[in-house]
Amino acid sequence: MSMLSGRIRPIETRELSIDAESIDDARAQAEAELPAGWVLTDAAATMAKASTRITLNVKMARRDGVRDIEADDMQSLYAQVPAGWQLLSVRED
């Protein structure tokens, strides 16, 4: 009988608002705030009227913590995915 293997990772996101002199400064600050294993997924810059400062609203997502799980069928595989995690891929072994 073949076994199914799945790859899972945590689903965790954060949002951050940064006020800076330029878009480059804001981006550098955002990257400095990234925890290890996280990536920037979205960024939107705004500038208030009569101001030269930039506000950068960024979203980041966790991309580490990948684990493999195994089960006899899809239902059993899904049952092993903890809350706050997502099933990334499935293969038949």
N, C-alpha and C. Protein backbone atom coordinates (compact mmCIF):
# COMPACT_ATOMS: atom_id res chain seq x y z
N MET A 1 0.84 -1.18 0.00
CA MET A 1 0.00 0.00 0.00
C MET A 1 0.89 1.25 0.00
N SER A 2 0.56 2.21 -0.82
CA SER A 2 1.38 3.42 -0.90
C SER A 2 1.00 4.39 0.22
N MET A 3 1.97 5.17 0.59
CA MET A 3 1.82 6.15 1.66
C MET A 3 1.86 7.54 1.05
N LEU A 4 1.15 8.49 1.64
CA LEU A 4 1.20 9.88 1.21
C LEU A 4 2.12 10.66 2.13
N SER A 5 2.95 11.50 1.54
CA SER A 5 3.81 12.39 2.30
C SER A 5 3.40 13.82 2.00
N GLY A 6 3.30 14.62 3.01
CA GLY A 6 2.94 16.02 2.84
C GLY A 6 3.97 16.93 3.47
N ARG A 7 4.09 18.10 2.93
CA ARG A 7 4.99 19.12 3.48
C ARG A 7 4.11 20.24 4.02
N ILE A 8 4.35 20.65 5.27
CA ILE A 8 3.56 21.70 5.91
C ILE A 8 4.46 22.80 6.43
N ARG A 9 3.88 23.99 6.61
CA ARG A 9 4.62 25.11 7.23
C ARG A 9 3.62 25.97 7.98
N PRO A 10 4.12 26.74 8.95
CA PRO A 10 3.23 27.61 9.72
C PRO A 10 2.71 28.76 8.85
N ILE A 11 1.48 29.16 9.14
CA ILE A 11 0.90 30.35 8.52
C ILE A 11 0.94 31.43 9.59
N GLU A 12 1.80 32.38 9.42
CA GLU A 12 1.89 33.48 10.37
C GLU A 12 2.26 34.73 9.59
N THR A 13 1.52 35.79 9.82
CA THR A 13 1.81 37.06 9.15
C THR A 13 1.83 38.19 10.18
N ARG A 14 2.49 39.25 9.81
CA ARG A 14 2.54 40.46 10.64
C ARG A 14 2.46 41.67 9.71
N GLU A 15 2.00 42.76 10.27
CA GLU A 15 1.99 44.03 9.54
C GLU A 15 2.77 45.05 10.33
N LEU A 16 3.38 45.97 9.62
CA LEU A 16 4.22 46.97 10.23
C LEU A 16 4.09 48.27 9.46
N SER A 17 4.06 49.38 10.16
CA SER A 17 4.02 50.70 9.53
C SER A 17 5.31 51.44 9.89
N ILE A 18 5.98 51.95 8.87
CA ILE A 18 7.27 52.61 9.06
C ILE A 18 7.19 54.02 8.50
N ASP A 19 7.68 54.98 9.26
CA ASP A 19 7.75 56.38 8.84
C ASP A 19 9.21 56.70 8.59
N ALA A 20 9.54 57.20 7.40
CA ALA A 20 10.94 57.46 7.05
C ALA A 20 11.07 58.64 6.11
N GLU A 21 12.29 59.07 5.89
CA GLU A 21 12.60 60.20 5.02
C GLU A 21 12.45 59.85 3.54
N SER A 22 12.70 58.58 3.18
CA SER A 22 12.62 58.17 1.77
C SER A 22 12.13 56.72 1.69
N ILE A 23 11.75 56.32 0.50
CA ILE A 23 11.29 54.95 0.30
C ILE A 23 12.43 53.96 0.55
N ASP A 24 13.65 54.35 0.16
CA ASP A 24 14.81 53.48 0.40
C ASP A 24 15.06 53.30 1.90
N ASP A 25 14.95 54.38 2.67
CA ASP A 25 15.11 54.29 4.12
C ASP A 25 14.02 53.42 4.74
N ALA A 26 12.80 53.60 4.27
CA ALA A 26 11.67 52.82 4.79
C ALA A 26 11.87 51.34 4.49
N ARG A 27 12.29 51.03 3.28
CA ARG A 27 12.53 49.62 2.90
C ARG A 27 13.64 49.02 3.75
N ALA A 28 14.72 49.76 3.96
CA ALA A 28 15.83 49.28 4.78
C ALA A 28 15.36 49.01 6.21
N GLN A 29 14.53 49.89 6.74
CA GLN A 29 13.99 49.68 8.09
C GLN A 29 13.10 48.44 8.13
N ALA A 30 12.28 48.26 7.12
CA ALA A 30 11.40 47.09 7.06
C ALA A 30 12.22 45.81 7.02
N GLU A 31 13.25 45.78 6.20
CA GLU A 31 14.09 44.59 6.10
C GLU A 31 14.83 44.32 7.41
N ALA A 32 15.21 45.39 8.12
CA ALA A 32 15.88 45.23 9.42
C ALA A 32 14.94 44.65 10.48
N GLU A 33 13.64 44.86 10.30
CA GLU A 33 12.64 44.35 11.25
C GLU A 33 12.24 42.90 10.98
N LEU A 34 12.65 42.35 9.84
CA LEU A 34 12.26 40.98 9.49
C LEU A 34 12.94 39.97 10.41
N PRO A 35 12.16 39.14 11.08
CA PRO A 35 12.78 38.05 11.84
C PRO A 35 13.38 37.03 10.88
N ALA A 36 14.32 36.24 11.35
CA ALA A 36 14.90 35.17 10.53
C ALA A 36 13.78 34.23 10.08
N GLY A 37 13.82 33.83 8.81
CA GLY A 37 12.82 32.93 8.27
C GLY A 37 11.57 33.61 7.76
N TRP A 38 11.54 34.93 7.76
CA TRP A 38 10.39 35.71 7.29
C TRP A 38 10.75 36.44 6.00
N VAL A 39 9.73 36.77 5.20
CA VAL A 39 9.93 37.54 3.97
C VAL A 39 8.88 38.66 3.90
N LEU A 40 9.24 39.74 3.21
CA LEU A 40 8.26 40.79 2.93
C LEU A 40 7.35 40.30 1.81
N THR A 41 6.05 40.43 1.99
CA THR A 41 5.11 39.96 0.97
C THR A 41 4.37 41.09 0.28
N ASP A 42 4.29 42.25 0.91
CA ASP A 42 3.54 43.36 0.34
C ASP A 42 4.01 44.65 0.98
N ALA A 43 4.01 45.72 0.20
CA ALA A 43 4.39 47.03 0.74
C ALA A 43 3.61 48.11 -0.01
N ALA A 44 3.09 49.07 0.74
CA ALA A 44 2.37 50.19 0.15
C ALA A 44 2.89 51.48 0.78
N ALA A 45 3.35 52.38 -0.06
CA ALA A 45 3.90 53.65 0.41
C ALA A 45 2.89 54.77 0.23
N THR A 46 2.83 55.66 1.21
CA THR A 46 1.99 56.85 1.11
C THR A 46 2.79 58.06 1.61
N MET A 47 2.37 59.23 1.14
CA MET A 47 2.99 60.47 1.58
C MET A 47 1.88 61.45 1.91
N ALA A 48 1.90 61.97 3.12
CA ALA A 48 0.89 62.94 3.53
C ALA A 48 1.10 64.26 2.78
N LYS A 49 0.00 64.97 2.56
CA LYS A 49 0.10 66.28 1.92
C LYS A 49 0.97 67.20 2.77
N ALA A 50 1.72 68.03 2.10
CA ALA A 50 2.59 69.01 2.75
C ALA A 50 3.66 68.35 3.61
N SER A 51 4.07 67.14 3.23
CA SER A 51 5.11 66.43 3.98
C SER A 51 6.06 65.78 2.99
N THR A 52 7.28 65.61 3.40
CA THR A 52 8.25 64.90 2.57
C THR A 52 8.51 63.50 3.12
N ARG A 53 7.89 63.15 4.21
CA ARG A 53 8.09 61.84 4.82
C ARG A 53 7.21 60.79 4.15
N ILE A 54 7.72 59.58 4.13
CA ILE A 54 7.04 58.44 3.54
C ILE A 54 6.55 57.52 4.67
N THR A 55 5.33 57.03 4.52
CA THR A 55 4.85 55.98 5.40
C THR A 55 4.75 54.71 4.57
N LEU A 56 5.43 53.67 5.02
CA LEU A 56 5.44 52.40 4.32
C LEU A 56 4.73 51.37 5.19
N ASN A 57 3.62 50.84 4.67
CA ASN A 57 2.90 49.78 5.37
C ASN A 57 3.30 48.46 4.72
N VAL A 58 3.93 47.61 5.51
CA VAL A 58 4.43 46.34 4.97
C VAL A 58 3.74 45.15 5.63
N LYS A 59 3.66 44.09 4.86
CA LYS A 59 3.19 42.81 5.37
C LYS A 59 4.34 41.82 5.23
N MET A 60 4.50 41.00 6.23
CA MET A 60 5.53 39.98 6.21
C MET A 60 4.91 38.64 6.58
N ALA A 61 5.53 37.57 6.09
CA ALA A 61 5.02 36.23 6.35
C ALA A 61 6.17 35.30 6.72
N ARG A 62 5.86 34.38 7.59
CA ARG A 62 6.84 33.38 8.01
C ARG A 62 6.96 32.32 6.92
N ARG A 63 8.19 31.97 6.57
CA ARG A 63 8.42 30.97 5.53
C ARG A 63 9.34 29.84 6.01
N ASP A 64 9.64 29.80 7.30
CA ASP A 64 10.48 28.72 7.81
C ASP A 64 9.62 27.70 8.56
N GLY A 65 10.23 26.77 9.22
CA GLY A 65 9.50 25.81 10.03
C GLY A 65 8.85 24.69 9.24
N VAL A 66 9.33 24.43 8.02
CA VAL A 66 8.74 23.40 7.17
C VAL A 66 8.97 22.02 7.80
N ARG A 67 7.93 21.20 7.77
CA ARG A 67 8.00 19.83 8.28
C ARG A 67 7.32 18.88 7.30
N ASP A 68 7.69 17.62 7.38
CA ASP A 68 7.05 16.58 6.56
C ASP A 68 6.15 15.72 7.45
N ILE A 69 5.01 15.32 6.91
CA ILE A 69 4.08 14.43 7.60
C ILE A 69 3.72 13.28 6.67
N GLU A 70 3.23 12.16 7.22
CA GLU A 70 2.85 11.01 6.41
C GLU A 70 1.51 10.46 6.88
N ALA A 71 0.77 9.89 5.93
CA ALA A 71 -0.51 9.26 6.25
C ALA A 71 -0.88 8.29 5.13
N ASP A 72 -1.89 7.46 5.41
CA ASP A 72 -2.35 6.48 4.42
C ASP A 72 -3.27 7.09 3.37
N ASP A 73 -3.99 8.17 3.73
CA ASP A 73 -4.93 8.78 2.79
C ASP A 73 -5.00 10.29 3.05
N MET A 74 -5.64 11.02 2.13
CA MET A 74 -5.70 12.48 2.23
C MET A 74 -6.41 12.94 3.50
N GLN A 75 -7.49 12.29 3.86
CA GLN A 75 -8.23 12.69 5.06
C GLN A 75 -7.33 12.61 6.29
N SER A 76 -6.57 11.54 6.40
CA SER A 76 -5.65 11.36 7.53
C SER A 76 -4.50 12.37 7.47
N LEU A 77 -4.07 12.69 6.25
CA LEU A 77 -3.00 13.68 6.09
C LEU A 77 -3.48 15.05 6.54
N TYR A 78 -4.68 15.46 6.07
CA TYR A 78 -5.25 16.75 6.50
C TYR A 78 -5.45 16.80 8.01
N ALA A 79 -5.81 15.69 8.61
CA ALA A 79 -6.05 15.64 10.06
C ALA A 79 -4.77 15.92 10.85
N GLN A 80 -3.62 15.70 10.24
CA GLN A 80 -2.34 15.93 10.91
C GLN A 80 -1.85 17.38 10.81
N VAL A 81 -2.50 18.18 9.99
CA VAL A 81 -2.07 19.57 9.81
C VAL A 81 -2.58 20.38 11.01
N PRO A 82 -1.67 20.86 11.86
CA PRO A 82 -2.10 21.60 13.05
C PRO A 82 -2.75 22.95 12.68
N ALA A 83 -3.55 23.47 13.59
CA ALA A 83 -4.12 24.82 13.41
C ALA A 83 -2.96 25.80 13.26
N GLY A 84 -3.11 26.74 12.34
CA GLY A 84 -2.06 27.72 12.11
C GLY A 84 -0.97 27.24 11.15
N TRP A 85 -1.21 26.10 10.50
CA TRP A 85 -0.27 25.55 9.53
C TRP A 85 -1.00 25.31 8.22
N GLN A 86 -0.26 25.19 7.12
CA GLN A 86 -0.87 24.89 5.83
C GLN A 86 -0.12 23.74 5.16
N LEU A 87 -0.88 22.96 4.41
CA LEU A 87 -0.32 21.87 3.63
C LEU A 87 0.17 22.45 2.31
N LEU A 88 1.48 22.33 2.05
CA LEU A 88 2.07 22.92 0.85
C LEU A 88 2.07 21.98 -0.34
N SER A 89 2.36 20.71 -0.09
CA SER A 89 2.44 19.76 -1.19
C SER A 89 2.18 18.35 -0.66
N VAL A 90 1.80 17.47 -1.59
CA VAL A 90 1.54 16.06 -1.27
C VAL A 90 2.18 15.21 -2.37
N ARG A 91 2.80 14.14 -1.96
CA ARG A 91 3.36 13.19 -2.92
C ARG A 91 3.05 11.77 -2.46
N GLU A 92 2.99 10.89 -3.40
CA GLU A 92 2.74 9.49 -3.10
C GLU A 92 4.08 8.76 -3.08
N ASP A 93 4.35 8.08 -1.98
CA ASP A 93 5.62 7.33 -1.84
C ASP A 93 5.42 5.87 -2.19
